[in-house]
Amino acid sequence: MIPDPNRQKQAARTSPNPLPPRQEKTVKLAALDGDLNATDNLSRMDAKQHLQAMLNDDKLRTPQRVKEYVRRHQRSHNHFEKIIWFDLASKRKTELNASPQEWHKKR
């Protein structure tokens, strides 16, 4: 088999030139920053969706039921590190915290 010289020249012209190290680092950091922002936005959208569902659930009107709901969801949604519940009827504030070690504990 004999390589086609025209094909090799065309491949050489269409191959991207490697970036200088400093520029490559800048491009990679920009891509990483974009990924972090996208992940943050997805996390916020997920939390908002769960919080809206929680607020629309008539069974979740007491601090204890909210606490049970949050604890259950913290195991599978580790970005729920803290939720602060204000009960307007009793004027009480309940803080629901979770450390990474607590996320997978059975409750």
C-alpha atoms as a PDB file:
ATOM      1  CA  MET A   1       0.000   0.000   0.000  1.00  0.00           C
ATOM      2  CA  ILE A   2       1.390   3.381  -1.019  1.00  0.00           C
ATOM      3  CA  PRO A   3       0.278   6.530   0.852  1.00  0.00           C
ATOM      4  CA  ASP A   4      -1.336   9.275  -1.222  1.00  0.00           C
ATOM      5  CA  PRO A   5       0.906  12.386  -0.964  1.00  0.00           C
ATOM      6  CA  ASN A   6      -2.028  14.737  -1.713  1.00  0.00           C
ATOM      7  CA  ARG A   7      -3.985  13.302   1.191  1.00  0.00           C
ATOM      8  CA  GLN A   8      -1.043  13.817   3.555  1.00  0.00           C
ATOM      9  CA  LYS A   9      -0.716  17.472   2.479  1.00  0.00           C
ATOM     10  CA  GLN A  10      -4.448  18.048   2.992  1.00  0.00           C
ATOM     11  CA  ALA A  11      -4.318  16.436   6.448  1.00  0.00           C
ATOM     12  CA  ALA A  12      -1.380  18.644   7.397  1.00  0.00           C
ATOM     13  CA  ARG A  13      -3.319  21.770   6.360  1.00  0.00           C
ATOM     14  CA  THR A  14      -6.473  20.843   8.300  1.00  0.00           C
ATOM     15  CA  SER A  15      -4.709  19.704  11.495  1.00  0.00           C
ATOM     16  CA  PRO A  16      -4.919  22.336  14.222  1.00  0.00           C
ATOM     17  CA  ASN A  17      -1.662  23.805  15.393  1.00  0.00           C
ATOM     18  CA  PRO A  18      -0.985  23.216  19.078  1.00  0.00           C
ATOM     19  CA  LEU A  19      -1.447  26.274  21.257  1.00  0.00           C
ATOM     20  CA  PRO A  20       1.441  27.786  23.152  1.00  0.00           C
ATOM     21  CA  PRO A  21       1.385  26.540  26.795  1.00  0.00           C
ATOM     22  CA  ARG A  22       0.202  29.853  28.255  1.00  0.00           C
ATOM     23  CA  GLN A  23      -2.656  30.140  25.764  1.00  0.00           C
ATOM     24  CA  GLU A  24      -3.578  26.460  26.247  1.00  0.00           C
ATOM     25  CA  LYS A  25      -3.793  27.051  30.007  1.00  0.00           C
ATOM     26  CA  THR A  26      -6.056  30.069  29.454  1.00  0.00           C
ATOM     27  CA  VAL A  27      -8.359  28.074  27.172  1.00  0.00           C
ATOM     28  CA  LYS A  28      -8.527  25.169  29.637  1.00  0.00           C
ATOM     29  CA  LEU A  29      -9.257  27.492  32.581  1.00  0.00           C
ATOM     30  CA  ALA A  30     -12.042  29.156  30.599  1.00  0.00           C
ATOM     31  CA  ALA A  31     -13.552  25.740  29.809  1.00  0.00           C
ATOM     32  CA  LEU A  32     -13.284  24.739  33.473  1.00  0.00           C
ATOM     33  CA  ASP A  33     -14.918  28.004  34.550  1.00  0.00           C
ATOM     34  CA  GLY A  34     -17.767  27.365  32.107  1.00  0.00           C
ATOM     35  CA  ASP A  35     -18.224  23.842  33.495  1.00  0.00           C
ATOM     36  CA  LEU A  36     -18.287  25.149  37.066  1.00  0.00           C
ATOM     37  CA  ASN A  37     -20.886  27.776  36.178  1.00  0.00           C
ATOM     38  CA  ALA A  38     -23.050  25.207  34.384  1.00  0.00           C
ATOM     39  CA  THR A  39     -22.818  22.829  37.364  1.00  0.00           C
ATOM     40  CA  ASP A  40     -23.725  25.655  39.751  1.00  0.00           C
ATOM     41  CA  ASN A  41     -26.741  26.589  37.631  1.00  0.00           C
ATOM     42  CA  LEU A  42     -27.925  22.957  37.463  1.00  0.00           C
ATOM     43  CA  SER A  43     -27.540  22.630  41.223  1.00  0.00           C
ATOM     44  CA  ARG A  44     -29.556  25.796  41.829  1.00  0.00           C
ATOM     45  CA  MET A  45     -32.288  24.703  39.417  1.00  0.00           C
ATOM     46  CA  ASP A  46     -32.498  21.302  41.129  1.00  0.00           C
ATOM     47  CA  ALA A  47     -32.680  22.863  44.592  1.00  0.00           C
ATOM     48  CA  LYS A  48     -35.319  25.349  43.443  1.00  0.00           C
ATOM     49  CA  GLN A  49     -37.429  22.563  41.956  1.00  0.00           C
ATOM     50  CA  HIS A  50     -37.286  20.543  45.189  1.00  0.00           C
ATOM     51  CA  LEU A  51     -38.004  23.557  47.366  1.00  0.00           C
ATOM     52  CA  GLN A  52     -41.008  24.520  45.231  1.00  0.00           C
ATOM     53  CA  ALA A  53     -42.331  20.950  45.466  1.00  0.00           C
ATOM     54  CA  MET A  54     -41.791  21.038  49.216  1.00  0.00           C
ATOM     55  CA  LEU A  55     -43.646  24.337  49.601  1.00  0.00           C
ATOM     56  CA  ASN A  56     -46.545  23.098  47.466  1.00  0.00           C
ATOM     57  CA  ASP A  57     -46.960  19.903  49.499  1.00  0.00           C
ATOM     58  CA  ASP A  58     -49.727  20.397  52.071  1.00  0.00           C
ATOM     59  CA  LYS A  59     -48.313  17.562  54.204  1.00  0.00           C
ATOM     60  CA  LEU A  60     -45.157  19.592  54.827  1.00  0.00           C
ATOM     61  CA  ARG A  61     -46.599  22.304  57.037  1.00  0.00           C
ATOM     62  CA  THR A  62     -44.809  21.510  60.289  1.00  0.00           C
ATOM     63  CA  PRO A  63     -41.105  21.875  61.073  1.00  0.00           C
ATOM     64  CA  GLN A  64     -40.868  18.146  61.876  1.00  0.00           C
ATOM     65  CA  ARG A  65     -42.293  17.083  58.515  1.00  0.00           C
ATOM     66  CA  VAL A  66     -40.059  19.552  56.691  1.00  0.00           C
ATOM     67  CA  LYS A  67     -37.083  18.178  58.629  1.00  0.00           C
ATOM     68  CA  GLU A  68     -37.970  14.604  57.609  1.00  0.00           C
ATOM     69  CA  TYR A  69     -38.342  15.643  53.969  1.00  0.00           C
ATOM     70  CA  VAL A  70     -35.042  17.514  53.947  1.00  0.00           C
ATOM     71  CA  ARG A  71     -33.144  14.704  55.665  1.00  0.00           C
ATOM     72  CA  ARG A  72     -34.512  12.199  53.150  1.00  0.00           C
ATOM     73  CA  HIS A  73     -33.435  14.364  50.215  1.00  0.00           C
ATOM     74  CA  GLN A  74     -30.032  15.275  51.630  1.00  0.00           C
ATOM     75  CA  ARG A  75     -28.897  11.687  51.174  1.00  0.00           C
ATOM     76  CA  SER A  76     -29.333  11.900  47.402  1.00  0.00           C
ATOM     77  CA  HIS A  77     -28.821  15.660  46.957  1.00  0.00           C
ATOM     78  CA  ASN A  78     -25.638  16.510  48.791  1.00  0.00           C
ATOM     79  CA  HIS A  79     -25.849  20.149  47.738  1.00  0.00           C
ATOM     80  CA  PHE A  80     -28.638  20.558  50.318  1.00  0.00           C
ATOM     81  CA  GLU A  81     -26.192  21.418  53.081  1.00  0.00           C
ATOM     82  CA  LYS A  82     -28.486  23.706  55.016  1.00  0.00           C
ATOM     83  CA  ILE A  83     -32.103  24.708  54.847  1.00  0.00           C
ATOM     84  CA  ILE A  84     -33.592  27.313  57.136  1.00  0.00           C
ATOM     85  CA  TRP A  85     -37.321  26.946  57.743  1.00  0.00           C
ATOM     86  CA  PHE A  86     -39.311  29.877  59.136  1.00  0.00           C
ATOM     87  CA  ASP A  87     -42.648  28.882  60.649  1.00  0.00           C
ATOM     88  CA  LEU A  88     -44.687  32.056  60.459  1.00  0.00           C
ATOM     89  CA  ALA A  89     -47.432  30.728  62.744  1.00  0.00           C
ATOM     90  CA  SER A  90     -45.102  30.035  65.660  1.00  0.00           C
ATOM     91  CA  LYS A  91     -42.440  32.545  64.616  1.00  0.00           C
ATOM     92  CA  ARG A  92     -39.825  29.811  64.991  1.00  0.00           C
ATOM     93  CA  LYS A  93     -36.761  29.245  62.903  1.00  0.00           C
ATOM     94  CA  THR A  94     -35.492  25.717  62.303  1.00  0.00           C
ATOM     95  CA  GLU A  95     -32.045  25.182  60.784  1.00  0.00           C
ATOM     96  CA  LEU A  96     -31.538  21.863  59.051  1.00  0.00           C
ATOM     97  CA  ASN A  97     -27.842  21.180  58.627  1.00  0.00           C
ATOM     98  CA  ALA A  98     -26.076  18.178  57.210  1.00  0.00           C
ATOM     99  CA  SER A  99     -22.430  17.318  57.148  1.00  0.00           C
ATOM    100  CA  PRO A 100     -21.169  15.031  54.372  1.00  0.00           C
ATOM    101  CA  GLN A 101     -20.977  12.194  56.929  1.00  0.00           C
ATOM    102  CA  GLU A 102     -24.679  12.614  57.747  1.00  0.00           C
ATOM    103  CA  TRP A 103     -25.919  12.531  54.149  1.00  0.00           C
ATOM    104  CA  HIS A 104     -25.842   8.745  53.940  1.00  0.00           C
ATOM    105  CA  LYS A 105     -26.945   7.897  57.457  1.00  0.00           C
ATOM    106  CA  LYS A 106     -30.262   6.160  57.832  1.00  0.00           C
ATOM    107  CA  ARG A 107     -32.783   8.238  59.749  1.00  0.00           C
END
